[in-house]
Amino acid sequence: MARAFRRKGRGEDLRYVASLDADERDVVASLMEQVAGLLEPPEQTATGDEAFDALVAGISLDGDPGAGDAGPAQERPGDRDPALDRLLPAAHREDAEASREFRRLTEGGLRHRKADGLQRAVAALRTPGGDLALDAPAAGTFLTALTDVRLVLGSRLGLESDEDLDALEARAARLDPADPLGHALALYDFLTWLQETLASALLRA
């Protein structure tokens, strides 16, 4: 059973430590790997992952497999996965042309940095041993990776506000326990809790 992130040690020995069992580590790592795949250039994006689809019980994080055959500068508006707009928001929302130019110049590097951070977080989760123990730089990377996964899952669930989440949870409470929506919401809530405990531990530094 998961235990929240906490500070352990001080100075150079300071670590941010959480307890996650093997299944919890595998679920979080698999979600992070899928989001890293979503950040690949469109022509390289994988067309799906059956194991991951099973984890989220029908909620796919890697978007429409047929969308986006061109790079970021050539993507047509209808081809772009909405989740990418959560991960890579427009810099100039009021100026479409400026936003496209900014994206052309910066998005490739941002995709690479985010994917690299997600893979670093996966490596930490896949490290054999007991507790998940992160130094300060790794904890910051892990926090960003959790944020990115939540953004994508929230996009897939149609969450734009706290009110949307409340409404979705109320709906899920009336569904059969085996309904995929309940499983997806449980994943979202778990990621939110894990992210909040790490953020709180970092703020106490």
Protein backbone atom coordinates (compact mmCIF):
# COMPACT_ATOMS: atom_id res chain seq x y z
CA MET A 1 0.00 0.00 0.00
CA ALA A 2 1.32 3.43 -0.93
CA ARG A 3 2.71 5.81 1.66
CA ALA A 4 3.07 9.53 1.02
CA PHE A 5 6.33 11.25 0.12
CA ARG A 6 8.27 12.46 3.13
CA ARG A 7 11.64 14.09 3.76
CA LYS A 8 14.40 11.86 5.05
CA GLY A 9 17.90 12.98 6.02
CA ARG A 10 19.43 16.41 5.58
CA GLY A 11 22.08 18.19 3.57
CA GLU A 12 23.61 16.07 0.82
CA ASP A 13 21.83 13.03 2.24
CA LEU A 14 18.35 14.57 1.96
CA ARG A 15 15.93 12.36 0.08
CA TYR A 16 12.24 12.51 -0.72
CA VAL A 17 10.92 9.07 0.05
CA ALA A 18 7.65 7.30 -0.78
CA SER A 19 6.56 3.70 -0.40
CA LEU A 20 4.96 2.15 -3.49
CA ASP A 21 4.39 -1.53 -4.03
CA ALA A 22 5.41 -3.26 -7.25
CA ASP A 23 1.98 -2.91 -8.87
CA GLU A 24 1.75 0.79 -8.03
CA ARG A 25 5.21 1.43 -9.43
CA ASP A 26 4.35 -0.46 -12.60
CA VAL A 27 1.10 1.46 -13.15
CA VAL A 28 2.72 4.87 -12.70
CA ALA A 29 5.74 3.93 -14.82
CA SER A 30 3.51 2.62 -17.61
CA LEU A 31 1.48 5.83 -17.64
CA MET A 32 4.66 7.90 -17.81
CA GLU A 33 6.01 5.80 -20.69
CA GLN A 34 2.80 6.35 -22.64
CA VAL A 35 2.92 10.12 -22.16
CA ALA A 36 6.58 10.11 -23.24
CA GLY A 37 5.45 8.29 -26.39
CA LEU A 38 2.78 10.92 -26.99
CA LEU A 39 5.53 13.57 -26.95
CA GLU A 40 7.50 11.89 -29.73
CA PRO A 41 7.39 13.62 -33.13
CA PRO A 42 4.08 12.60 -34.76
CA GLU A 43 5.70 10.43 -37.42
CA GLN A 44 7.35 8.39 -34.66
CA THR A 45 4.39 8.13 -32.27
CA ALA A 46 3.41 4.58 -31.40
CA THR A 47 0.01 3.36 -32.52
CA GLY A 48 -1.06 1.97 -29.18
CA ASP A 49 -0.18 -0.27 -26.27
CA GLU A 50 -2.55 -3.07 -25.29
CA ALA A 51 -1.04 -3.44 -21.82
CA PHE A 52 -1.50 0.24 -21.12
CA ASP A 53 -5.03 0.26 -22.51
CA ALA A 54 -5.82 -2.52 -20.05
CA LEU A 55 -4.37 -0.50 -17.18
CA VAL A 56 -6.72 2.40 -17.80
CA ALA A 57 -9.60 0.12 -18.78
CA GLY A 58 -10.30 1.68 -22.14
CA ILE A 59 -8.97 5.21 -21.52
CA SER A 60 -6.19 5.70 -24.08
CA LEU A 61 -3.49 8.30 -23.39
CA ASP A 62 -1.75 8.09 -26.74
CA GLY A 63 -4.53 9.69 -28.77
CA ASP A 64 -5.78 8.90 -32.24
CA PRO A 65 -3.21 6.58 -33.86
CA GLY A 66 -3.92 8.03 -37.29
CA ALA A 67 -3.46 11.68 -36.39
CA GLY A 68 -0.48 13.86 -37.10
CA ASP A 69 1.70 12.65 -39.94
CA ALA A 70 3.64 15.92 -40.09
CA GLY A 71 5.93 17.64 -37.60
CA PRO A 72 4.65 20.30 -35.20
CA ALA A 73 5.05 23.11 -37.73
CA GLN A 74 2.90 21.27 -40.31
CA GLU A 75 0.18 19.84 -38.07
CA ARG A 76 -3.31 20.72 -39.20
CA PRO A 77 -5.62 21.99 -36.43
CA GLY A 78 -7.86 18.93 -36.60
CA ASP A 79 -4.90 16.53 -36.40
CA ARG A 80 -3.40 17.75 -33.14
CA ASP A 81 -4.16 15.65 -30.08
CA PRO A 82 -5.95 17.90 -27.54
CA ALA A 83 -3.78 16.43 -24.79
CA LEU A 84 -0.72 17.97 -26.45
CA ASP A 85 -2.25 21.40 -25.93
CA ARG A 86 -2.26 20.65 -22.20
CA LEU A 87 1.37 19.54 -22.26
CA LEU A 88 2.54 22.18 -24.75
CA PRO A 89 0.20 25.16 -24.34
CA ALA A 90 0.17 28.04 -26.79
CA ALA A 91 2.42 30.96 -25.86
CA HIS A 92 0.24 33.58 -27.60
CA ARG A 93 -3.38 32.48 -27.35
CA GLU A 94 -4.64 35.77 -28.77
CA ASP A 95 -2.36 35.64 -31.83
CA ALA A 96 -2.58 32.40 -33.80
CA GLU A 97 0.25 33.29 -36.19
CA ALA A 98 2.64 34.23 -33.37
CA SER A 99 1.67 31.07 -31.53
CA ARG A 100 2.43 28.89 -34.56
CA GLU A 101 5.81 30.56 -35.04
CA PHE A 102 6.72 30.21 -31.37
CA ARG A 103 5.71 26.55 -31.48
CA ARG A 104 7.80 25.97 -34.61
CA LEU A 105 10.87 27.39 -32.89
CA THR A 106 10.48 25.87 -29.43
CA GLU A 107 8.20 22.85 -29.40
CA GLY A 108 10.74 20.27 -30.53
CA GLY A 109 13.06 21.08 -27.65
CA LEU A 110 10.21 21.16 -25.14
CA ARG A 111 8.93 17.77 -26.31
CA HIS A 112 12.42 16.34 -25.89
CA ARG A 113 12.89 17.79 -22.39
CA LYS A 114 9.52 16.58 -21.17
CA ALA A 115 10.00 13.10 -22.64
CA ASP A 116 13.48 12.91 -21.10
CA GLY A 117 12.08 13.90 -17.70
CA LEU A 118 9.37 11.26 -17.96
CA GLN A 119 11.93 8.58 -18.84
CA ARG A 120 14.08 9.63 -15.87
CA ALA A 121 11.06 9.27 -13.61
CA VAL A 122 10.37 5.83 -15.10
CA ALA A 123 13.97 4.80 -14.43
CA ALA A 124 13.56 5.80 -10.78
CA LEU A 125 10.38 3.73 -10.51
CA ARG A 126 12.02 0.74 -12.19
CA THR A 127 15.07 0.83 -9.87
CA PRO A 128 15.05 -2.33 -7.73
CA GLY A 129 14.76 -1.89 -4.01
CA GLY A 130 12.34 -0.89 -1.31
CA ASP A 131 11.23 2.71 -1.01
CA LEU A 132 11.34 5.19 -3.87
CA ALA A 133 14.02 7.65 -2.72
CA LEU A 134 14.77 10.79 -4.77
CA ASP A 135 17.33 13.53 -4.30
CA ALA A 136 16.17 17.12 -4.82
CA PRO A 137 16.78 17.34 -8.61
CA ALA A 138 15.18 13.92 -9.19
CA ALA A 139 12.21 14.90 -7.01
CA GLY A 140 11.62 18.00 -9.13
CA THR A 141 11.78 15.92 -12.30
CA PHE A 142 9.40 13.36 -10.81
CA LEU A 143 6.93 16.08 -9.80
CA THR A 144 6.87 17.45 -13.35
CA ALA A 145 6.38 13.95 -14.76
CA LEU A 146 3.40 13.36 -12.46
CA THR A 147 1.95 16.71 -13.55
CA ASP A 148 2.29 15.78 -17.22
CA VAL A 149 0.55 12.43 -16.75
CA ARG A 150 -2.30 14.09 -14.85
CA LEU A 151 -2.69 16.68 -17.60
CA VAL A 152 -3.06 13.99 -20.26
CA LEU A 153 -5.39 11.80 -18.21
CA GLY A 154 -7.44 14.87 -17.30
CA SER A 155 -7.71 15.72 -20.99
CA ARG A 156 -8.89 12.21 -21.81
CA LEU A 157 -11.51 12.48 -19.05
CA GLY A 158 -12.66 15.90 -20.25
CA LEU A 159 -11.65 17.69 -17.06
CA GLU A 160 -11.38 21.47 -17.44
CA SER A 161 -12.24 22.56 -13.88
CA ASP A 162 -12.83 21.33 -10.33
CA GLU A 163 -16.55 21.35 -11.13
CA ASP A 164 -15.94 18.90 -14.00
CA LEU A 165 -14.13 16.55 -11.61
CA ASP A 166 -16.92 16.78 -9.03
CA ALA A 167 -19.53 16.02 -11.69
CA LEU A 168 -17.54 13.09 -13.06
CA GLU A 169 -17.01 11.61 -9.59
CA ALA A 170 -20.73 11.94 -8.86
CA ARG A 171 -21.49 10.14 -12.10
CA ALA A 172 -18.94 7.42 -11.38
CA ALA A 173 -20.46 6.81 -7.94
CA ARG A 174 -23.66 5.68 -9.65
CA LEU A 175 -21.93 3.31 -12.07
CA ASP A 176 -21.11 -0.36 -11.77
CA PRO A 177 -17.77 -0.85 -9.94
CA ALA A 178 -16.38 -2.55 -13.06
CA ASP A 179 -17.08 0.48 -15.28
CA PRO A 180 -13.89 1.82 -16.93
CA LEU A 181 -14.66 5.35 -15.79
CA GLY A 182 -14.32 4.39 -12.14
CA HIS A 183 -10.92 2.83 -12.80
CA ALA A 184 -9.68 5.88 -14.71
CA LEU A 185 -10.84 8.23 -11.96
CA ALA A 186 -9.12 6.09 -9.33
CA LEU A 187 -5.88 6.43 -11.29
CA TYR A 188 -6.35 10.18 -11.58
CA ASP A 189 -7.03 10.53 -7.85
CA PHE A 190 -3.99 8.40 -6.97
CA LEU A 191 -1.71 10.50 -9.18
CA THR A 192 -3.15 13.69 -7.66
CA TRP A 193 -2.49 12.43 -4.13
CA LEU A 194 1.06 11.33 -4.98
CA GLN A 195 1.81 14.66 -6.66
CA GLU A 196 0.44 16.67 -3.73
CA THR A 197 2.46 14.76 -1.14
CA LEU A 198 5.67 15.28 -3.12
CA ALA A 199 4.94 18.98 -3.64
CA SER A 200 4.28 19.41 0.08
CA ALA A 201 7.52 17.65 0.97
CA LEU A 202 9.47 19.86 -1.44
CA LEU A 203 7.90 23.02 -0.03
CA ARG A 204 9.14 22.09 3.42
CA ALA A 205 12.74 22.18 2.18
